[in-house]
C-alpha atoms as a PDB file:
ATOM      1  CA  MET A   1     -69.435  -7.262  87.004  1.00  0.00           C
ATOM      2  CA  ALA A   2     -67.148  -9.687  85.199  1.00  0.00           C
ATOM      3  CA  TRP A   3     -65.183  -6.988  83.387  1.00  0.00           C
ATOM      4  CA  ARG A   4     -64.373  -5.272  86.703  1.00  0.00           C
ATOM      5  CA  CYS A   5     -62.744  -8.416  88.135  1.00  0.00           C
ATOM      6  CA  SER A   6     -58.999  -8.053  87.830  1.00  0.00           C
ATOM      7  CA  GLY A   7     -56.060  -9.375  89.785  1.00  0.00           C
ATOM      8  CA  SER A   8     -52.281  -9.485  89.829  1.00  0.00           C
ATOM      9  CA  SER A   9     -52.371 -13.297  90.132  1.00  0.00           C
ATOM     10  CA  ASN A  10     -54.616 -16.174  89.174  1.00  0.00           C
ATOM     11  CA  ALA A  11     -55.653 -16.597  92.824  1.00  0.00           C
ATOM     12  CA  MET A  12     -56.629 -12.945  93.167  1.00  0.00           C
ATOM     13  CA  LEU A  13     -58.542 -13.063  89.872  1.00  0.00           C
ATOM     14  CA  ILE A  14     -60.572 -16.079  91.026  1.00  0.00           C
ATOM     15  CA  GLN A  15     -61.206 -14.551  94.448  1.00  0.00           C
ATOM     16  CA  ASN A  16     -62.427 -11.309  92.872  1.00  0.00           C
ATOM     17  CA  MET A  17     -64.784 -13.157  90.528  1.00  0.00           C
ATOM     18  CA  ARG A  18     -66.202 -15.034  93.517  1.00  0.00           C
ATOM     19  CA  SER A  19     -66.690 -11.841  95.537  1.00  0.00           C
ATOM     20  CA  HIS A  20     -68.498 -10.221  92.584  1.00  0.00           C
ATOM     21  CA  GLY A  21     -70.910 -13.148  92.326  1.00  0.00           C
ATOM     22  CA  ILE A  22     -69.627 -14.509  89.011  1.00  0.00           C
ATOM     23  CA  PHE A  23     -69.782 -17.962  90.591  1.00  0.00           C
ATOM     24  CA  HIS A  24     -70.651 -19.276  94.035  1.00  0.00           C
ATOM     25  CA  SER A  25     -69.139 -22.730  94.402  1.00  0.00           C
ATOM     26  CA  ASP A  26     -66.345 -23.206  96.942  1.00  0.00           C
ATOM     27  CA  LYS A  27     -65.197 -26.268  94.986  1.00  0.00           C
ATOM     28  CA  VAL A  28     -64.877 -24.356  91.697  1.00  0.00           C
ATOM     29  CA  MET A  29     -62.937 -21.629  93.496  1.00  0.00           C
ATOM     30  CA  ALA A  30     -60.557 -24.078  95.165  1.00  0.00           C
ATOM     31  CA  VAL A  31     -59.589 -25.974  92.018  1.00  0.00           C
ATOM     32  CA  SER A  32     -59.327 -22.794  89.933  1.00  0.00           C
ATOM     33  CA  ILE A  33     -56.859 -21.203  92.345  1.00  0.00           C
ATOM     34  CA  VAL A  34     -54.570 -24.242  92.057  1.00  0.00           C
ATOM     35  CA  ASN A  35     -53.567 -23.189  88.520  1.00  0.00           C
ATOM     36  CA  ILE A  36     -50.491 -21.130  89.323  1.00  0.00           C
ATOM     37  CA  ALA A  37     -49.586 -17.872  87.639  1.00  0.00           C
ATOM     38  CA  GLU A  38     -46.163 -19.082  86.481  1.00  0.00           C
ATOM     39  CA  VAL A  39     -47.659 -21.908  84.418  1.00  0.00           C
ATOM     40  CA  PHE A  40     -50.319 -19.841  82.691  1.00  0.00           C
ATOM     41  CA  LEU A  41     -48.380 -16.571  82.574  1.00  0.00           C
ATOM     42  CA  ARG A  42     -49.220 -15.959  78.912  1.00  0.00           C
ATOM     43  CA  ILE A  43     -52.887 -16.586  79.640  1.00  0.00           C
ATOM     44  CA  LEU A  44     -52.928 -14.227  82.594  1.00  0.00           C
ATOM     45  CA  THR A  45     -51.272 -11.555  80.461  1.00  0.00           C
ATOM     46  CA  LEU A  46     -54.016 -12.006  77.874  1.00  0.00           C
ATOM     47  CA  ILE A  47     -56.629 -11.745  80.614  1.00  0.00           C
ATOM     48  CA  ARG A  48     -55.214  -8.381  81.687  1.00  0.00           C
ATOM     49  CA  LEU A  49     -55.192  -7.179  78.067  1.00  0.00           C
ATOM     50  CA  TRP A  50     -58.797  -8.321  77.838  1.00  0.00           C
ATOM     51  CA  GLU A  51     -59.705  -6.289  80.920  1.00  0.00           C
ATOM     52  CA  LEU A  52     -58.064  -3.162  79.485  1.00  0.00           C
ATOM     53  CA  TRP A  53     -59.928  -3.702  76.223  1.00  0.00           C
ATOM     54  CA  ILE A  54     -63.238  -3.901  78.113  1.00  0.00           C
ATOM     55  CA  GLU A  55     -62.435  -0.649  79.928  1.00  0.00           C
ATOM     56  CA  GLN A  56     -61.928   1.039  76.565  1.00  0.00           C
ATOM     57  CA  ILE A  57     -65.271  -0.256  75.321  1.00  0.00           C
ATOM     58  CA  MET A  58     -66.964   1.025  78.466  1.00  0.00           C
ATOM     59  CA  SER A  59     -65.728   4.523  77.722  1.00  0.00           C
ATOM     60  CA  PHE A  60     -67.668   4.478  74.439  1.00  0.00           C
ATOM     61  CA  THR A  61     -70.921   2.663  75.146  1.00  0.00           C
ATOM     62  CA  LYS A  62     -72.430   0.501  77.849  1.00  0.00           C
ATOM     63  CA  SER A  63     -74.952  -1.060  75.478  1.00  0.00           C
ATOM     64  CA  MET A  64     -72.278  -3.282  73.952  1.00  0.00           C
ATOM     65  CA  LEU A  65     -71.311  -4.921  77.212  1.00  0.00           C
ATOM     66  CA  THR A  66     -73.902  -7.698  77.153  1.00  0.00           C
ATOM     67  CA  ARG A  67     -72.765  -9.076  73.786  1.00  0.00           C
ATOM     68  CA  ILE A  68     -69.034  -8.389  73.505  1.00  0.00           C
ATOM     69  CA  ARG A  69     -66.644 -10.994  72.154  1.00  0.00           C
ATOM     70  CA  LEU A  70     -65.654 -12.971  75.217  1.00  0.00           C
ATOM     71  CA  SER A  71     -62.189 -14.085  74.129  1.00  0.00           C
ATOM     72  CA  MET A  72     -58.582 -13.169  73.395  1.00  0.00           C
ATOM     73  CA  SER A  73     -56.138 -14.642  70.872  1.00  0.00           C
ATOM     74  CA  ILE A  74     -53.644 -17.309  71.982  1.00  0.00           C
ATOM     75  CA  GLY A  75     -52.082 -17.759  68.549  1.00  0.00           C
ATOM     76  CA  HIS A  76     -52.878 -19.839  65.451  1.00  0.00           C
ATOM     77  CA  SER A  77     -56.100 -17.802  65.130  1.00  0.00           C
ATOM     78  CA  ALA A  78     -57.394 -19.525  68.267  1.00  0.00           C
ATOM     79  CA  THR A  79     -58.708 -17.815  71.387  1.00  0.00           C
ATOM     80  CA  ILE A  80     -59.118 -18.278  75.102  1.00  0.00           C
ATOM     81  CA  SER A  81     -62.472 -17.441  76.632  1.00  0.00           C
ATOM     82  CA  ALA A  82     -62.659 -14.689  79.225  1.00  0.00           C
ATOM     83  CA  PRO A  83     -62.019 -16.059  82.742  1.00  0.00           C
ATOM     84  CA  HIS A  84     -65.546 -15.477  83.992  1.00  0.00           C
ATOM     85  CA  MET A  85     -66.916 -17.684  81.208  1.00  0.00           C
ATOM     86  CA  HIS A  86     -64.749 -20.565  82.440  1.00  0.00           C
ATOM     87  CA  ALA A  87     -66.205 -19.945  85.909  1.00  0.00           C
ATOM     88  CA  TYR A  88     -69.768 -19.917  84.577  1.00  0.00           C
ATOM     89  CA  ALA A  89     -69.136 -23.143  82.646  1.00  0.00           C
ATOM     90  CA  SER A  90     -67.606 -24.924  85.638  1.00  0.00           C
ATOM     91  CA  GLU A  91     -70.473 -23.982  87.910  1.00  0.00           C
ATOM     92  CA  HIS A  92     -73.228 -24.924  85.441  1.00  0.00           C
ATOM     93  CA  LEU A  93     -71.586 -28.291  84.808  1.00  0.00           C
ATOM     94  CA  LEU A  94     -70.735 -28.866  88.473  1.00  0.00           C
ATOM     95  CA  PRO A  95     -73.627 -31.273  89.256  1.00  0.00           C
ATOM     96  CA  TYR A  96     -72.082 -33.667  86.727  1.00  0.00           C
ATOM     97  CA  LEU A  97     -68.433 -33.063  87.653  1.00  0.00           C
ATOM     98  CA  LYS A  98     -68.185 -35.719  90.327  1.00  0.00           C
ATOM     99  CA  PRO A  99     -65.245 -38.016  91.119  1.00  0.00           C
ATOM    100  CA  GLY A 100     -65.041 -40.641  88.391  1.00  0.00           C
ATOM    101  CA  ALA A 101     -66.898 -38.566  85.791  1.00  0.00           C
ATOM    102  CA  LYS A 102     -65.832 -38.217  82.154  1.00  0.00           C
ATOM    103  CA  VAL A 103     -65.619 -34.754  80.595  1.00  0.00           C
ATOM    104  CA  LEU A 104     -65.071 -33.527  77.033  1.00  0.00           C
ATOM    105  CA  ASP A 105     -63.610 -30.037  76.545  1.00  0.00           C
ATOM    106  CA  VAL A 106     -64.132 -28.931  72.932  1.00  0.00           C
ATOM    107  CA  GLY A 107     -61.690 -26.214  71.906  1.00  0.00           C
ATOM    108  CA  SER A 108     -59.334 -26.960  74.786  1.00  0.00           C
ATOM    109  CA  GLY A 109     -56.772 -24.332  73.731  1.00  0.00           C
ATOM    110  CA  SER A 110     -54.227 -23.653  76.474  1.00  0.00           C
ATOM    111  CA  GLY A 111     -55.367 -26.496  78.733  1.00  0.00           C
ATOM    112  CA  TYR A 112     -56.419 -24.108  81.502  1.00  0.00           C
ATOM    113  CA  LEU A 113     -60.032 -25.280  81.758  1.00  0.00           C
ATOM    114  CA  ALA A 114     -58.991 -28.919  81.285  1.00  0.00           C
ATOM    115  CA  ALA A 115     -56.874 -28.562  84.439  1.00  0.00           C
ATOM    116  CA  VAL A 116     -59.823 -27.135  86.370  1.00  0.00           C
ATOM    117  CA  LEU A 117     -62.211 -29.829  85.113  1.00  0.00           C
ATOM    118  CA  TYR A 118     -59.750 -32.610  85.927  1.00  0.00           C
ATOM    119  CA  ARG A 119     -59.452 -31.492  89.527  1.00  0.00           C
ATOM    120  CA  LEU A 120     -63.250 -31.405  89.799  1.00  0.00           C
ATOM    121  CA  VAL A 121     -63.644 -35.033  88.638  1.00  0.00           C
ATOM    122  CA  SER A 122     -60.716 -36.467  90.601  1.00  0.00           C
ATOM    123  CA  PRO A 123     -60.104 -39.045  91.826  1.00  0.00           C
ATOM    124  CA  GLY A 124     -60.973 -41.537  89.113  1.00  0.00           C
ATOM    125  CA  GLY A 125     -62.277 -39.120  86.509  1.00  0.00           C
ATOM    126  CA  LYS A 126     -61.096 -38.382  82.995  1.00  0.00           C
ATOM    127  CA  VAL A 127     -60.911 -35.229  80.877  1.00  0.00           C
ATOM    128  CA  VAL A 128     -60.530 -35.286  77.101  1.00  0.00           C
ATOM    129  CA  GLY A 129     -59.528 -32.006  75.481  1.00  0.00           C
ATOM    130  CA  ILE A 130     -59.914 -31.672  71.721  1.00  0.00           C
ATOM    131  CA  GLU A 131     -58.312 -28.887  69.689  1.00  0.00           C
ATOM    132  CA  HIS A 132     -57.779 -28.869  65.924  1.00  0.00           C
ATOM    133  CA  ILE A 133     -54.437 -27.033  66.059  1.00  0.00           C
ATOM    134  CA  PRO A 134     -51.681 -29.594  66.848  1.00  0.00           C
ATOM    135  CA  GLU A 135     -49.326 -26.881  68.091  1.00  0.00           C
ATOM    136  CA  LEU A 136     -51.886 -25.844  70.699  1.00  0.00           C
ATOM    137  CA  VAL A 137     -52.312 -29.461  71.784  1.00  0.00           C
ATOM    138  CA  THR A 138     -48.554 -29.650  72.369  1.00  0.00           C
ATOM    139  CA  TRP A 139     -48.575 -26.319  74.217  1.00  0.00           C
ATOM    140  CA  SER A 140     -51.518 -27.343  76.405  1.00  0.00           C
ATOM    141  CA  GLU A 141     -49.787 -30.597  77.364  1.00  0.00           C
ATOM    142  CA  ALA A 142     -46.690 -28.634  78.365  1.00  0.00           C
ATOM    143  CA  ASN A 143     -48.829 -26.278  80.461  1.00  0.00           C
ATOM    144  CA  LEU A 144     -50.525 -29.202  82.198  1.00  0.00           C
ATOM    145  CA  ARG A 145     -47.201 -30.844  83.003  1.00  0.00           C
ATOM    146  CA  LYS A 146     -45.869 -27.611  84.483  1.00  0.00           C
ATOM    147  CA  ASP A 147     -49.046 -27.414  86.541  1.00  0.00           C
ATOM    148  CA  GLY A 148     -48.237 -30.769  88.142  1.00  0.00           C
ATOM    149  CA  LEU A 149     -50.532 -32.896  86.010  1.00  0.00           C
ATOM    150  CA  GLY A 150     -47.902 -34.895  84.125  1.00  0.00           C
ATOM    151  CA  ASP A 151     -48.921 -38.149  85.793  1.00  0.00           C
ATOM    152  CA  ALA A 152     -52.544 -37.592  84.770  1.00  0.00           C
ATOM    153  CA  LEU A 153     -51.412 -37.181  81.148  1.00  0.00           C
ATOM    154  CA  ASP A 154     -49.163 -40.236  81.314  1.00  0.00           C
ATOM    155  CA  ASN A 155     -51.834 -42.527  82.744  1.00  0.00           C
ATOM    156  CA  GLY A 156     -54.582 -41.275  80.435  1.00  0.00           C
ATOM    157  CA  GLU A 157     -56.694 -39.460  83.001  1.00  0.00           C
ATOM    158  CA  ILE A 158     -56.163 -36.348  80.879  1.00  0.00           C
ATOM    159  CA  GLU A 159     -56.022 -36.822  77.118  1.00  0.00           C
ATOM    160  CA  MET A 160     -55.388 -33.897  74.789  1.00  0.00           C
ATOM    161  CA  ILE A 161     -56.013 -34.721  71.144  1.00  0.00           C
ATOM    162  CA  ALA A 162     -55.937 -32.957  67.786  1.00  0.00           C
ATOM    163  CA  GLY A 163     -59.231 -33.206  65.940  1.00  0.00           C
ATOM    164  CA  ASP A 164     -62.466 -31.564  64.823  1.00  0.00           C
ATOM    165  CA  GLY A 165     -64.416 -30.601  67.917  1.00  0.00           C
ATOM    166  CA  ARG A 166     -67.696 -30.684  66.013  1.00  0.00           C
ATOM    167  CA  GLU A 167     -67.185 -34.433  65.716  1.00  0.00           C
ATOM    168  CA  GLY A 168     -66.394 -34.816  69.397  1.00  0.00           C
ATOM    169  CA  TYR A 169     -64.371 -37.862  70.421  1.00  0.00           C
ATOM    170  CA  ALA A 170     -66.625 -40.899  70.557  1.00  0.00           C
ATOM    171  CA  ALA A 171     -63.827 -43.241  71.654  1.00  0.00           C
ATOM    172  CA  GLY A 172     -63.650 -41.493  75.029  1.00  0.00           C
ATOM    173  CA  GLY A 173     -67.381 -41.239  75.669  1.00  0.00           C
ATOM    174  CA  PRO A 174     -70.038 -41.173  76.745  1.00  0.00           C
ATOM    175  CA  TYR A 175     -69.331 -37.992  78.705  1.00  0.00           C
ATOM    176  CA  ASP A 176     -71.071 -36.881  81.861  1.00  0.00           C
ATOM    177  CA  ALA A 177     -70.289 -33.277  80.940  1.00  0.00           C
ATOM    178  CA  ILE A 178     -69.292 -31.523  77.716  1.00  0.00           C
ATOM    179  CA  HIS A 179     -67.939 -27.980  77.499  1.00  0.00           C
ATOM    180  CA  VAL A 180     -67.743 -26.247  74.128  1.00  0.00           C
ATOM    181  CA  GLY A 181     -65.588 -23.140  73.871  1.00  0.00           C
ATOM    182  CA  ALA A 182     -66.785 -21.803  70.498  1.00  0.00           C
ATOM    183  CA  ALA A 183     -70.178 -21.077  68.985  1.00  0.00           C
ATOM    184  CA  ALA A 184     -71.981 -23.556  66.737  1.00  0.00           C
ATOM    185  CA  PRO A 185     -74.893 -22.483  64.473  1.00  0.00           C
ATOM    186  CA  THR A 186     -76.856 -25.365  66.006  1.00  0.00           C
ATOM    187  CA  VAL A 187     -75.942 -27.912  68.660  1.00  0.00           C
ATOM    188  CA  PRO A 188     -73.866 -30.630  66.918  1.00  0.00           C
ATOM    189  CA  GLU A 189     -75.791 -33.902  66.910  1.00  0.00           C
ATOM    190  CA  LYS A 190     -72.593 -35.909  67.398  1.00  0.00           C
ATOM    191  CA  LEU A 191     -71.915 -34.099  70.655  1.00  0.00           C
ATOM    192  CA  ILE A 192     -75.449 -34.812  71.862  1.00  0.00           C
ATOM    193  CA  ALA A 193     -74.943 -38.482  70.969  1.00  0.00           C
ATOM    194  CA  GLN A 194     -71.743 -38.581  73.046  1.00  0.00           C
ATOM    195  CA  LEU A 195     -73.461 -37.114  76.096  1.00  0.00           C
ATOM    196  CA  ALA A 196     -74.167 -39.660  78.822  1.00  0.00           C
ATOM    197  CA  SER A 197     -77.634 -40.336  80.251  1.00  0.00           C
ATOM    198  CA  PRO A 198     -77.817 -38.350  82.433  1.00  0.00           C
ATOM    199  CA  GLY A 199     -75.393 -35.670  81.257  1.00  0.00           C
ATOM    200  CA  ARG A 200     -75.055 -31.948  80.579  1.00  0.00           C
ATOM    201  CA  MET A 201     -73.494 -29.777  77.872  1.00  0.00           C
ATOM    202  CA  PHE A 202     -72.532 -26.087  78.118  1.00  0.00           C
ATOM    203  CA  ILE A 203     -72.329 -24.616  74.614  1.00  0.00           C
ATOM    204  CA  PRO A 204     -72.651 -21.215  72.873  1.00  0.00           C
ATOM    205  CA  VAL A 205     -75.137 -21.472  69.981  1.00  0.00           C
ATOM    206  CA  GLY A 206     -75.908 -19.064  67.142  1.00  0.00           C
ATOM    207  CA  ASN A 207     -74.303 -16.926  64.461  1.00  0.00           C
ATOM    208  CA  LEU A 208     -74.615 -13.146  64.871  1.00  0.00           C
ATOM    209  CA  MET A 209     -76.931 -13.582  67.838  1.00  0.00           C
ATOM    210  CA  GLN A 210     -75.613 -16.174  70.287  1.00  0.00           C
ATOM    211  CA  ASN A 211     -76.717 -17.666  73.563  1.00  0.00           C
ATOM    212  CA  ILE A 212     -75.122 -20.073  75.991  1.00  0.00           C
ATOM    213  CA  GLU A 213     -77.343 -23.146  76.078  1.00  0.00           C
ATOM    214  CA  GLN A 214     -77.450 -25.755  78.803  1.00  0.00           C
ATOM    215  CA  ILE A 215     -78.305 -29.063  77.139  1.00  0.00           C
ATOM    216  CA  ASP A 216     -79.499 -31.785  79.522  1.00  0.00           C
ATOM    217  CA  LYS A 217     -79.992 -35.468  78.730  1.00  0.00           C
ATOM    218  CA  ASP A 218     -81.986 -37.419  81.311  1.00  0.00           C
ATOM    219  CA  GLU A 219     -81.692 -41.088  82.234  1.00  0.00           C
ATOM    220  CA  GLN A 220     -84.123 -42.033  79.471  1.00  0.00           C
ATOM    221  CA  GLY A 221     -82.186 -40.077  76.858  1.00  0.00           C
ATOM    222  CA  ASN A 222     -84.663 -37.198  76.615  1.00  0.00           C
ATOM    223  CA  ILE A 223     -83.106 -33.847  75.666  1.00  0.00           C
ATOM    224  CA  THR A 224     -84.012 -30.469  77.128  1.00  0.00           C
ATOM    225  CA  SER A 225     -82.379 -27.107  76.461  1.00  0.00           C
ATOM    226  CA  LYS A 226     -82.253 -23.903  78.479  1.00  0.00           C
ATOM    227  CA  GLN A 227     -80.762 -20.554  77.431  1.00  0.00           C
ATOM    228  CA  ILE A 228     -78.391 -19.183  80.064  1.00  0.00           C
ATOM    229  CA  MET A 229     -77.186 -15.846  78.699  1.00  0.00           C
ATOM    230  CA  GLY A 230     -76.419 -13.870  75.554  1.00  0.00           C
ATOM    231  CA  VAL A 231     -72.763 -14.004  74.479  1.00  0.00           C
ATOM    232  CA  ARG A 232     -70.396 -13.397  71.598  1.00  0.00           C
ATOM    233  CA  TYR A 233     -67.971 -16.262  70.883  1.00  0.00           C
ATOM    234  CA  VAL A 234     -65.740 -17.100  67.945  1.00  0.00           C
ATOM    235  CA  PRO A 235     -67.287 -19.754  65.657  1.00  0.00           C
ATOM    236  CA  LEU A 236     -66.770 -23.482  66.033  1.00  0.00           C
ATOM    237  CA  THR A 237     -65.151 -24.398  62.730  1.00  0.00           C
ATOM    238  CA  ASP A 238     -62.402 -26.491  61.118  1.00  0.00           C
ATOM    239  CA  LYS A 239     -58.671 -25.835  61.067  1.00  0.00           C
ATOM    240  CA  GLU A 240     -58.522 -24.629  57.459  1.00  0.00           C
ATOM    241  CA  LYS A 241     -61.366 -22.133  57.808  1.00  0.00           C
ATOM    242  CA  GLN A 242     -60.035 -20.880  61.122  1.00  0.00           C
ATOM    243  CA  LEU A 243     -56.587 -20.144  59.737  1.00  0.00           C
ATOM    244  CA  GLY A 244     -57.881 -18.939  56.372  1.00  0.00           C
ATOM    245  CA  ARG A 245     -60.320 -16.537  57.958  1.00  0.00           C
ATOM    246  CA  TRP A 246     -57.408 -14.625  59.459  1.00  0.00           C
ATOM    247  CA  VAL A 247     -54.726 -14.862  56.797  1.00  0.00           C
ATOM    248  CA  ASN A 248     -56.837 -13.984  53.740  1.00  0.00           C
END
């Protein structure tokens, strides 16, 4: 069970998720462990708070566990997804995360998943992270540099930009894989347009009732969609609505 997977370090957390069957790929495990605890200390602290919160929920009702909000705040009314959701995303996108591939991470937040994705598409790949809070873009770049990825930022193999994730980032596409870290009412057409042929998107879709959808585009540009699991994510929105929703 994802909410039972704890650990005193990032490495232990990843190992425990693997042993509980949250993901199965040796490659995903290897690149995830590389992200050291010192760099993402704030994130790991939030993960532990998230685990304690889940334990409290479990003491009240087990029926809520399949649709709980899978995130914790990282400031500026933004959130980081629970660690097992990053693992699920990495594994579902893995067939398209080959050396030289291009990846778009919508709602890149702390930069944690961008670091994992970059290591999966290296050498020769590129990751674009888009986040509409400039302060989080700056923070994520600092995290990536501390994690040893300064050269990748300097040479453009990792690009963290401030912008509206619903619009994607056409200048960097088309993308072999797209990860979206917040829920859209419907799959944004601009993100589908920026998906390569072939390519895959991992995105939560819905309002009150949400599902992770795996969107595949084949070599002819045909689109198919498959529901992966029920979830509860924060909404994919703009900067003003995100901040206003919390301060009003």
